[in-house]
């Protein structure tokens, strides 16, 4: 018992230490965002503000007049753009990947295994490899500098298809076959039987899709030319090019970028953890 207790203590200490190491940069980001301008570059490096101030957030978020002209960093419009793009990407991604995962797991059709192998092979190809040809195709289609051009590549979420398929394998075939024998069509089986069992998995996948779209920087940077269409990561990068030395302002921008998805993750963590651990499907 003593050995088991010592092991448990060591494991708990290790988990706490890893948690502190993970959260420390986030906590310092928040603290720096409330420091007066220039304080974060002082030596020795301050771990706490000499005084708490909202001036960084005020400058970042409030439109103001400079030399007779109105100026703002366009963070709030970029925030609205990111919410719209991420929400639509998530909704459309779920509409495509969840039925596809169901088909790959439970429908018998010719060439299914070959398609599965092709999806796994495509999963290991870095997305950056396809960006140039994809951009050229989108330019020919007139989708450059449009939200459609930002959203469409993310809809081919191979990981989502495989993630749903793996969860579907835990649902007994007898349950679905019995529904078919009772005269239920595939649509009714999918909506009435499969989806309720997959609720934690679908929510987990929705979080993955939302976070992937929200945090995506490179592709929106390539596709979007109009700053009025910028998503939040691109807008923050544009600010960083001009204010790289202003650490407090950049940390405030990072907080605005990070907090919405962090709060969303905390609100749905019960479903998220259940979906990751495969507990959403009962055999």
C-alpha atoms as a PDB file:
ATOM      1  CA  UNK A   1       0.000   0.000   0.000  1.00  0.00           C
ATOM      2  CA  UNK A   2       2.844   2.377   0.851  1.00  0.00           C
ATOM      3  CA  UNK A   3       4.429   1.828  -2.572  1.00  0.00           C
ATOM      4  CA  UNK A   4       1.118   2.476  -4.331  1.00  0.00           C
ATOM      5  CA  UNK A   5       0.596   5.631  -2.280  1.00  0.00           C
ATOM      6  CA  UNK A   6       4.073   6.933  -3.156  1.00  0.00           C
ATOM      7  CA  UNK A   7       3.458   6.224  -6.821  1.00  0.00           C
ATOM      8  CA  UNK A   8       0.133   8.042  -6.663  1.00  0.00           C
ATOM      9  CA  UNK A   9       1.783  11.044  -4.985  1.00  0.00           C
ATOM     10  CA  UNK A  10       4.563  11.137  -7.604  1.00  0.00           C
ATOM     11  CA  UNK A  11       1.995  10.875 -10.413  1.00  0.00           C
ATOM     12  CA  UNK A  12      -0.130  13.674  -8.933  1.00  0.00           C
ATOM     13  CA  UNK A  13       2.903  15.917  -8.454  1.00  0.00           C
ATOM     14  CA  UNK A  14       3.955  15.280 -12.053  1.00  0.00           C
ATOM     15  CA  UNK A  15       0.462  16.120 -13.332  1.00  0.00           C
ATOM     16  CA  UNK A  16       0.373  19.332 -11.292  1.00  0.00           C
ATOM     17  CA  UNK A  17       3.854  20.305 -12.523  1.00  0.00           C
ATOM     18  CA  UNK A  18       2.856  19.715 -16.144  1.00  0.00           C
ATOM     19  CA  UNK A  19      -0.325  21.709 -15.582  1.00  0.00           C
ATOM     20  CA  UNK A  20       1.658  24.639 -14.166  1.00  0.00           C
ATOM     21  CA  UNK A  21       4.115  24.529 -17.080  1.00  0.00           C
ATOM     22  CA  UNK A  22       1.201  24.528 -19.536  1.00  0.00           C
ATOM     23  CA  UNK A  23      -0.767  27.315 -17.875  1.00  0.00           C
ATOM     24  CA  UNK A  24       2.160  29.571 -16.939  1.00  0.00           C
ATOM     25  CA  UNK A  25       2.588  31.112 -20.430  1.00  0.00           C
ATOM     26  CA  UNK A  26      -1.170  31.747 -20.688  1.00  0.00           C
ATOM     27  CA  UNK A  27      -1.252  33.322 -17.245  1.00  0.00           C
ATOM     28  CA  UNK A  28       1.754  35.533 -18.033  1.00  0.00           C
ATOM     29  CA  UNK A  29       0.127  36.567 -21.320  1.00  0.00           C
ATOM     30  CA  UNK A  30      -2.906  37.812 -19.391  1.00  0.00           C
ATOM     31  CA  UNK A  31      -0.759  39.571 -16.777  1.00  0.00           C
ATOM     32  CA  UNK A  32       1.364  41.365 -19.394  1.00  0.00           C
ATOM     33  CA  UNK A  33      -1.749  42.552 -21.224  1.00  0.00           C
ATOM     34  CA  UNK A  34      -2.657  44.593 -18.119  1.00  0.00           C
ATOM     35  CA  UNK A  35       0.816  46.150 -17.672  1.00  0.00           C
ATOM     36  CA  UNK A  36       1.563  49.805 -18.513  1.00  0.00           C
ATOM     37  CA  UNK A  37       3.216  50.310 -21.878  1.00  0.00           C
ATOM     38  CA  UNK A  38       6.873  49.292 -21.964  1.00  0.00           C
ATOM     39  CA  UNK A  39       6.924  47.624 -18.572  1.00  0.00           C
ATOM     40  CA  UNK A  40       7.260  44.044 -19.901  1.00  0.00           C
ATOM     41  CA  UNK A  41      10.642  44.888 -21.522  1.00  0.00           C
ATOM     42  CA  UNK A  42      12.220  46.107 -18.281  1.00  0.00           C
ATOM     43  CA  UNK A  43      14.973  44.194 -16.505  1.00  0.00           C
ATOM     44  CA  UNK A  44      14.622  42.229 -14.364  1.00  0.00           C
ATOM     45  CA  UNK A  45      11.520  40.914 -16.160  1.00  0.00           C
ATOM     46  CA  UNK A  46       8.461  41.857 -14.078  1.00  0.00           C
ATOM     47  CA  UNK A  47       6.107  39.047 -13.145  1.00  0.00           C
ATOM     48  CA  UNK A  48       3.384  41.391 -11.896  1.00  0.00           C
ATOM     49  CA  UNK A  49       2.176  44.801 -13.105  1.00  0.00           C
ATOM     50  CA  UNK A  50       3.303  47.845 -11.159  1.00  0.00           C
ATOM     51  CA  UNK A  51      -0.291  48.965 -11.720  1.00  0.00           C
ATOM     52  CA  UNK A  52      -3.180  47.265 -13.493  1.00  0.00           C
ATOM     53  CA  UNK A  53      -4.448  49.131 -16.529  1.00  0.00           C
ATOM     54  CA  UNK A  54      -6.906  48.610 -19.384  1.00  0.00           C
ATOM     55  CA  UNK A  55      -5.151  51.047 -21.716  1.00  0.00           C
ATOM     56  CA  UNK A  56      -3.877  48.265 -23.976  1.00  0.00           C
ATOM     57  CA  UNK A  57      -7.377  46.883 -24.490  1.00  0.00           C
ATOM     58  CA  UNK A  58      -8.745  50.403 -24.916  1.00  0.00           C
ATOM     59  CA  UNK A  59      -6.233  51.187 -27.656  1.00  0.00           C
ATOM     60  CA  UNK A  60      -6.797  47.826 -29.308  1.00  0.00           C
ATOM     61  CA  UNK A  61     -10.589  47.798 -29.323  1.00  0.00           C
ATOM     62  CA  UNK A  62     -11.806  51.413 -29.269  1.00  0.00           C
ATOM     63  CA  UNK A  63     -12.014  53.465 -32.441  1.00  0.00           C
ATOM     64  CA  UNK A  64     -10.383  56.863 -31.978  1.00  0.00           C
ATOM     65  CA  UNK A  65      -9.543  60.016 -33.888  1.00  0.00           C
ATOM     66  CA  UNK A  66      -5.902  60.805 -34.765  1.00  0.00           C
ATOM     67  CA  UNK A  67      -5.044  64.050 -36.578  1.00  0.00           C
ATOM     68  CA  UNK A  68      -8.637  64.424 -37.683  1.00  0.00           C
ATOM     69  CA  UNK A  69      -8.913  60.871 -39.084  1.00  0.00           C
ATOM     70  CA  UNK A  70     -10.604  57.912 -37.452  1.00  0.00           C
ATOM     71  CA  UNK A  71      -8.377  54.933 -36.687  1.00  0.00           C
ATOM     72  CA  UNK A  72      -8.742  51.496 -35.152  1.00  0.00           C
ATOM     73  CA  UNK A  73      -6.960  48.162 -35.345  1.00  0.00           C
ATOM     74  CA  UNK A  74     -10.096  46.458 -36.736  1.00  0.00           C
ATOM     75  CA  UNK A  75      -9.930  43.730 -34.113  1.00  0.00           C
ATOM     76  CA  UNK A  76     -13.679  43.635 -33.475  1.00  0.00           C
ATOM     77  CA  UNK A  77     -14.551  43.277 -37.200  1.00  0.00           C
ATOM     78  CA  UNK A  78     -11.896  40.559 -37.466  1.00  0.00           C
ATOM     79  CA  UNK A  79     -13.411  38.882 -34.404  1.00  0.00           C
ATOM     80  CA  UNK A  80     -16.843  38.873 -36.078  1.00  0.00           C
ATOM     81  CA  UNK A  81     -15.279  37.517 -39.271  1.00  0.00           C
ATOM     82  CA  UNK A  82     -13.576  34.699 -37.380  1.00  0.00           C
ATOM     83  CA  UNK A  83     -16.758  33.760 -35.530  1.00  0.00           C
ATOM     84  CA  UNK A  84     -18.720  33.616 -38.783  1.00  0.00           C
ATOM     85  CA  UNK A  85     -16.070  31.673 -40.704  1.00  0.00           C
ATOM     86  CA  UNK A  86     -15.427  29.203 -37.862  1.00  0.00           C
ATOM     87  CA  UNK A  87     -19.134  28.633 -37.185  1.00  0.00           C
ATOM     88  CA  UNK A  88     -19.953  28.035 -40.859  1.00  0.00           C
ATOM     89  CA  UNK A  89     -16.886  25.827 -41.337  1.00  0.00           C
ATOM     90  CA  UNK A  90     -17.906  23.759 -38.326  1.00  0.00           C
ATOM     91  CA  UNK A  91     -21.527  23.363 -39.430  1.00  0.00           C
ATOM     92  CA  UNK A  92     -20.682  22.415 -43.011  1.00  0.00           C
ATOM     93  CA  UNK A  93     -17.835  20.187 -41.856  1.00  0.00           C
ATOM     94  CA  UNK A  94     -20.167  18.241 -39.569  1.00  0.00           C
ATOM     95  CA  UNK A  95     -22.771  17.878 -42.325  1.00  0.00           C
ATOM     96  CA  UNK A  96     -20.133  16.257 -44.528  1.00  0.00           C
ATOM     97  CA  UNK A  97     -17.863  14.316 -42.179  1.00  0.00           C
ATOM     98  CA  UNK A  98     -20.387  12.705 -39.821  1.00  0.00           C
ATOM     99  CA  UNK A  99     -22.474  10.992 -42.553  1.00  0.00           C
ATOM    100  CA  UNK A 100     -19.245  10.053 -44.363  1.00  0.00           C
ATOM    101  CA  UNK A 101     -17.870   8.448 -41.198  1.00  0.00           C
ATOM    102  CA  UNK A 102     -21.138   6.537 -40.768  1.00  0.00           C
ATOM    103  CA  UNK A 103     -20.979   5.302 -44.369  1.00  0.00           C
ATOM    104  CA  UNK A 104     -17.354   4.200 -44.017  1.00  0.00           C
ATOM    105  CA  UNK A 105     -18.167   2.215 -40.870  1.00  0.00           C
ATOM    106  CA  UNK A 106     -21.628   0.745 -41.421  1.00  0.00           C
ATOM    107  CA  UNK A 107     -22.521   0.785 -45.117  1.00  0.00           C
ATOM    108  CA  UNK A 108     -21.258  -2.016 -47.313  1.00  0.00           C
ATOM    109  CA  UNK A 109     -20.247  -0.856 -50.765  1.00  0.00           C
ATOM    110  CA  UNK A 110     -17.676  -1.883 -53.323  1.00  0.00           C
ATOM    111  CA  UNK A 111     -14.249  -0.324 -52.842  1.00  0.00           C
ATOM    112  CA  UNK A 112     -14.851   0.812 -49.263  1.00  0.00           C
ATOM    113  CA  UNK A 113     -11.534  -0.516 -47.989  1.00  0.00           C
ATOM    114  CA  UNK A 114      -9.671   1.079 -50.880  1.00  0.00           C
ATOM    115  CA  UNK A 115     -11.293   4.428 -50.137  1.00  0.00           C
ATOM    116  CA  UNK A 116     -10.337   4.033 -46.488  1.00  0.00           C
ATOM    117  CA  UNK A 117      -6.697   3.360 -47.382  1.00  0.00           C
ATOM    118  CA  UNK A 118      -6.713   6.361 -49.705  1.00  0.00           C
ATOM    119  CA  UNK A 119      -8.048   8.596 -46.914  1.00  0.00           C
ATOM    120  CA  UNK A 120      -5.377   7.387 -44.499  1.00  0.00           C
ATOM    121  CA  UNK A 121      -2.684   7.990 -47.115  1.00  0.00           C
ATOM    122  CA  UNK A 122      -3.994  11.498 -47.806  1.00  0.00           C
ATOM    123  CA  UNK A 123      -4.020  12.244 -44.082  1.00  0.00           C
ATOM    124  CA  UNK A 124      -0.223  12.098 -43.865  1.00  0.00           C
ATOM    125  CA  UNK A 125       0.288  14.615 -46.692  1.00  0.00           C
ATOM    126  CA  UNK A 126       1.005  18.104 -45.219  1.00  0.00           C
ATOM    127  CA  UNK A 127      -1.651  20.627 -46.102  1.00  0.00           C
ATOM    128  CA  UNK A 128       0.987  23.171 -47.108  1.00  0.00           C
ATOM    129  CA  UNK A 129       1.920  20.981 -50.086  1.00  0.00           C
ATOM    130  CA  UNK A 130      -1.479  21.577 -51.697  1.00  0.00           C
ATOM    131  CA  UNK A 131      -1.747  25.288 -50.983  1.00  0.00           C
ATOM    132  CA  UNK A 132      -0.164  26.566 -54.198  1.00  0.00           C
ATOM    133  CA  UNK A 133      -2.192  24.407 -56.619  1.00  0.00           C
ATOM    134  CA  UNK A 134      -5.293  25.025 -54.513  1.00  0.00           C
ATOM    135  CA  UNK A 135      -4.742  28.773 -54.699  1.00  0.00           C
ATOM    136  CA  UNK A 136      -4.352  28.598 -58.480  1.00  0.00           C
ATOM    137  CA  UNK A 137      -7.588  26.621 -58.773  1.00  0.00           C
ATOM    138  CA  UNK A 138      -9.462  29.047 -56.537  1.00  0.00           C
ATOM    139  CA  UNK A 139      -8.141  31.989 -58.528  1.00  0.00           C
ATOM    140  CA  UNK A 140      -9.556  30.445 -61.695  1.00  0.00           C
ATOM    141  CA  UNK A 141     -12.883  29.918 -59.929  1.00  0.00           C
ATOM    142  CA  UNK A 142     -12.967  33.495 -58.625  1.00  0.00           C
ATOM    143  CA  UNK A 143     -12.874  32.426 -54.981  1.00  0.00           C
ATOM    144  CA  UNK A 144      -9.769  34.402 -53.974  1.00  0.00           C
ATOM    145  CA  UNK A 145     -10.471  37.143 -51.408  1.00  0.00           C
ATOM    146  CA  UNK A 146     -13.763  35.504 -50.420  1.00  0.00           C
ATOM    147  CA  UNK A 147     -14.934  33.640 -47.351  1.00  0.00           C
ATOM    148  CA  UNK A 148     -15.898  30.702 -49.572  1.00  0.00           C
ATOM    149  CA  UNK A 149     -12.246  30.429 -50.521  1.00  0.00           C
ATOM    150  CA  UNK A 150     -11.317  30.325 -46.829  1.00  0.00           C
ATOM    151  CA  UNK A 151     -13.958  27.768 -45.837  1.00  0.00           C
ATOM    152  CA  UNK A 152     -14.004  25.242 -48.687  1.00  0.00           C
ATOM    153  CA  UNK A 153     -10.565  23.588 -48.150  1.00  0.00           C
ATOM    154  CA  UNK A 154     -11.389  22.873 -44.516  1.00  0.00           C
ATOM    155  CA  UNK A 155     -14.515  20.933 -45.429  1.00  0.00           C
ATOM    156  CA  UNK A 156     -12.404  18.012 -46.636  1.00  0.00           C
ATOM    157  CA  UNK A 157     -11.693  16.991 -43.045  1.00  0.00           C
ATOM    158  CA  UNK A 158     -10.266  13.495 -43.458  1.00  0.00           C
ATOM    159  CA  UNK A 159      -9.468  13.328 -39.765  1.00  0.00           C
ATOM    160  CA  UNK A 160     -13.139  13.991 -38.991  1.00  0.00           C
ATOM    161  CA  UNK A 161     -14.285  11.142 -41.233  1.00  0.00           C
ATOM    162  CA  UNK A 162     -11.845   8.706 -39.621  1.00  0.00           C
ATOM    163  CA  UNK A 163     -12.684   9.994 -36.130  1.00  0.00           C
ATOM    164  CA  UNK A 164     -16.419   9.378 -36.637  1.00  0.00           C
ATOM    165  CA  UNK A 165     -15.778   6.043 -38.316  1.00  0.00           C
ATOM    166  CA  UNK A 166     -13.747   4.838 -35.346  1.00  0.00           C
ATOM    167  CA  UNK A 167     -16.541   5.821 -32.959  1.00  0.00           C
ATOM    168  CA  UNK A 168     -19.131   4.164 -35.212  1.00  0.00           C
ATOM    169  CA  UNK A 169     -17.308   0.841 -34.990  1.00  0.00           C
ATOM    170  CA  UNK A 170     -18.303   0.673 -31.310  1.00  0.00           C
ATOM    171  CA  UNK A 171     -22.006   0.628 -32.232  1.00  0.00           C
ATOM    172  CA  UNK A 172     -23.159  -3.002 -32.665  1.00  0.00           C
ATOM    173  CA  UNK A 173     -24.129  -3.931 -36.204  1.00  0.00           C
ATOM    174  CA  UNK A 174     -27.043  -5.910 -34.743  1.00  0.00           C
ATOM    175  CA  UNK A 175     -28.643  -2.652 -33.554  1.00  0.00           C
ATOM    176  CA  UNK A 176     -28.587  -1.152 -37.035  1.00  0.00           C
ATOM    177  CA  UNK A 177     -29.574  -4.423 -38.740  1.00  0.00           C
ATOM    178  CA  UNK A 178     -32.566  -4.737 -36.412  1.00  0.00           C
ATOM    179  CA  UNK A 179     -33.692  -1.244 -37.368  1.00  0.00           C
ATOM    180  CA  UNK A 180     -33.369  -2.133 -41.035  1.00  0.00           C
ATOM    181  CA  UNK A 181     -35.464  -5.268 -40.524  1.00  0.00           C
ATOM    182  CA  UNK A 182     -38.132  -3.108 -38.915  1.00  0.00           C
ATOM    183  CA  UNK A 183     -38.301  -1.103 -42.129  1.00  0.00           C
ATOM    184  CA  UNK A 184     -36.258   1.946 -41.098  1.00  0.00           C
ATOM    185  CA  UNK A 185     -34.389   3.675 -43.909  1.00  0.00           C
ATOM    186  CA  UNK A 186     -30.759   4.713 -43.677  1.00  0.00           C
ATOM    187  CA  UNK A 187     -31.711   8.333 -43.038  1.00  0.00           C
ATOM    188  CA  UNK A 188     -33.979   7.418 -40.153  1.00  0.00           C
ATOM    189  CA  UNK A 189     -31.380   5.056 -38.703  1.00  0.00           C
ATOM    190  CA  UNK A 190     -28.711   7.728 -38.928  1.00  0.00           C
ATOM    191  CA  UNK A 191     -30.805  10.518 -37.383  1.00  0.00           C
ATOM    192  CA  UNK A 192     -32.840   8.504 -34.873  1.00  0.00           C
ATOM    193  CA  UNK A 193     -30.314   5.917 -33.676  1.00  0.00           C
ATOM    194  CA  UNK A 194     -26.775   6.840 -34.625  1.00  0.00           C
ATOM    195  CA  UNK A 195     -26.677  10.570 -33.879  1.00  0.00           C
ATOM    196  CA  UNK A 196     -28.010  10.297 -30.289  1.00  0.00           C
ATOM    197  CA  UNK A 197     -25.327   7.698 -29.542  1.00  0.00           C
ATOM    198  CA  UNK A 198     -22.641   9.862 -31.125  1.00  0.00           C
ATOM    199  CA  UNK A 199     -23.521  13.143 -29.395  1.00  0.00           C
ATOM    200  CA  UNK A 200     -20.246  13.465 -27.391  1.00  0.00           C
ATOM    201  CA  UNK A 201     -18.235  12.425 -30.454  1.00  0.00           C
ATOM    202  CA  UNK A 202     -20.005  14.962 -32.680  1.00  0.00           C
ATOM    203  CA  UNK A 203     -19.458  17.738 -30.106  1.00  0.00           C
ATOM    204  CA  UNK A 204     -15.778  16.786 -29.842  1.00  0.00           C
ATOM    205  CA  UNK A 205     -15.433  16.837 -33.615  1.00  0.00           C
ATOM    206  CA  UNK A 206     -17.241  20.196 -33.739  1.00  0.00           C
ATOM    207  CA  UNK A 207     -14.685  21.595 -31.291  1.00  0.00           C
ATOM    208  CA  UNK A 208     -11.809  20.258 -33.403  1.00  0.00           C
ATOM    209  CA  UNK A 209     -13.281  21.802 -36.560  1.00  0.00           C
ATOM    210  CA  UNK A 210     -14.045  25.110 -34.842  1.00  0.00           C
ATOM    211  CA  UNK A 211     -10.576  25.380 -33.287  1.00  0.00           C
ATOM    212  CA  UNK A 212      -8.915  24.410 -36.557  1.00  0.00           C
ATOM    213  CA  UNK A 213     -10.792  27.120 -38.441  1.00  0.00           C
ATOM    214  CA  UNK A 214     -10.385  29.715 -35.685  1.00  0.00           C
ATOM    215  CA  UNK A 215      -6.629  29.216 -35.387  1.00  0.00           C
ATOM    216  CA  UNK A 216      -5.961  28.881 -39.117  1.00  0.00           C
ATOM    217  CA  UNK A 217      -3.541  31.584 -40.178  1.00  0.00           C
ATOM    218  CA  UNK A 218      -1.608  30.625 -43.298  1.00  0.00           C
ATOM    219  CA  UNK A 219      -4.478  29.835 -45.675  1.00  0.00           C
ATOM    220  CA  UNK A 220      -6.592  32.937 -44.830  1.00  0.00           C
ATOM    221  CA  UNK A 221      -3.402  35.012 -45.168  1.00  0.00           C
ATOM    222  CA  UNK A 222      -2.903  33.626 -48.683  1.00  0.00           C
ATOM    223  CA  UNK A 223      -6.522  33.878 -49.843  1.00  0.00           C
ATOM    224  CA  UNK A 224      -7.691  37.144 -48.270  1.00  0.00           C
ATOM    225  CA  UNK A 225      -6.348  40.381 -49.710  1.00  0.00           C
ATOM    226  CA  UNK A 226      -8.887  42.829 -48.278  1.00  0.00           C
ATOM    227  CA  UNK A 227      -8.143  43.795 -44.671  1.00  0.00           C
ATOM    228  CA  UNK A 228     -11.875  44.216 -44.062  1.00  0.00           C
ATOM    229  CA  UNK A 229     -12.206  40.450 -44.579  1.00  0.00           C
ATOM    230  CA  UNK A 230      -9.298  39.466 -42.321  1.00  0.00           C
ATOM    231  CA  UNK A 231      -9.900  36.796 -39.725  1.00  0.00           C
ATOM    232  CA  UNK A 232      -8.554  37.361 -36.229  1.00  0.00           C
ATOM    233  CA  UNK A 233      -5.145  35.583 -36.553  1.00  0.00           C
ATOM    234  CA  UNK A 234      -4.399  37.487 -39.773  1.00  0.00           C
ATOM    235  CA  UNK A 235      -5.467  40.800 -38.211  1.00  0.00           C
ATOM    236  CA  UNK A 236      -3.261  40.177 -35.148  1.00  0.00           C
ATOM    237  CA  UNK A 237      -0.312  39.315 -37.432  1.00  0.00           C
ATOM    238  CA  UNK A 238      -0.865  42.582 -39.320  1.00  0.00           C
ATOM    239  CA  UNK A 239      -0.721  44.470 -36.019  1.00  0.00           C
ATOM    240  CA  UNK A 240       2.429  42.573 -35.022  1.00  0.00           C
ATOM    241  CA  UNK A 241       4.242  43.726 -38.156  1.00  0.00           C
ATOM    242  CA  UNK A 242       3.919  47.343 -37.022  1.00  0.00           C
ATOM    243  CA  UNK A 243       3.968  46.929 -33.239  1.00  0.00           C
ATOM    244  CA  UNK A 244       6.270  43.959 -32.663  1.00  0.00           C
ATOM    245  CA  UNK A 245       8.113  45.820 -29.883  1.00  0.00           C
ATOM    246  CA  UNK A 246       4.891  46.701 -28.064  1.00  0.00           C
ATOM    247  CA  UNK A 247       4.580  43.552 -25.983  1.00  0.00           C
ATOM    248  CA  UNK A 248       1.654  44.713 -23.869  1.00  0.00           C
ATOM    249  CA  UNK A 249      -0.505  45.556 -26.886  1.00  0.00           C
ATOM    250  CA  UNK A 250       0.351  42.243 -28.559  1.00  0.00           C
ATOM    251  CA  UNK A 251      -0.478  40.297 -25.403  1.00  0.00           C
ATOM    252  CA  UNK A 252      -3.848  42.053 -25.248  1.00  0.00           C
ATOM    253  CA  UNK A 253      -4.466  41.007 -28.865  1.00  0.00           C
ATOM    254  CA  UNK A 254      -3.460  37.444 -27.965  1.00  0.00           C
ATOM    255  CA  UNK A 255      -5.912  37.410 -25.058  1.00  0.00           C
ATOM    256  CA  UNK A 256      -8.733  38.579 -27.342  1.00  0.00           C
ATOM    257  CA  UNK A 257      -7.816  35.798 -29.775  1.00  0.00           C
ATOM    258  CA  UNK A 258      -7.453  33.040 -27.185  1.00  0.00           C
ATOM    259  CA  UNK A 259     -10.195  33.646 -24.641  1.00  0.00           C
ATOM    260  CA  UNK A 260     -13.299  32.933 -26.786  1.00  0.00           C
ATOM    261  CA  UNK A 261     -12.131  29.444 -27.752  1.00  0.00           C
ATOM    262  CA  UNK A 262     -10.794  28.763 -24.250  1.00  0.00           C
ATOM    263  CA  UNK A 263     -14.181  29.602 -22.729  1.00  0.00           C
ATOM    264  CA  UNK A 264     -15.908  27.464 -25.355  1.00  0.00           C
ATOM    265  CA  UNK A 265     -13.634  24.544 -24.557  1.00  0.00           C
ATOM    266  CA  UNK A 266     -14.257  24.898 -20.820  1.00  0.00           C
ATOM    267  CA  UNK A 267     -18.022  25.070 -21.362  1.00  0.00           C
ATOM    268  CA  UNK A 268     -18.036  21.848 -23.412  1.00  0.00           C
ATOM    269  CA  UNK A 269     -15.235  19.993 -21.652  1.00  0.00           C
ATOM    270  CA  UNK A 270     -17.538  17.266 -20.320  1.00  0.00           C
ATOM    271  CA  UNK A 271     -18.621  16.282 -23.832  1.00  0.00           C
ATOM    272  CA  UNK A 272     -15.111  16.836 -25.161  1.00  0.00           C
ATOM    273  CA  UNK A 273     -13.485  14.452 -22.699  1.00  0.00           C
ATOM    274  CA  UNK A 274     -16.226  11.852 -23.168  1.00  0.00           C
ATOM    275  CA  UNK A 275     -15.811  11.989 -26.933  1.00  0.00           C
ATOM    276  CA  UNK A 276     -12.019  11.676 -26.744  1.00  0.00           C
ATOM    277  CA  UNK A 277     -12.202   8.726 -24.375  1.00  0.00           C
ATOM    278  CA  UNK A 278     -14.779   6.988 -26.554  1.00  0.00           C
ATOM    279  CA  UNK A 279     -17.389   6.983 -23.803  1.00  0.00           C
ATOM    280  CA  UNK A 280     -20.166   8.420 -25.937  1.00  0.00           C
ATOM    281  CA  UNK A 281     -21.076   5.067 -27.490  1.00  0.00           C
ATOM    282  CA  UNK A 282     -22.364   2.205 -25.432  1.00  0.00           C
ATOM    283  CA  UNK A 283     -22.025  -1.247 -26.889  1.00  0.00           C
END
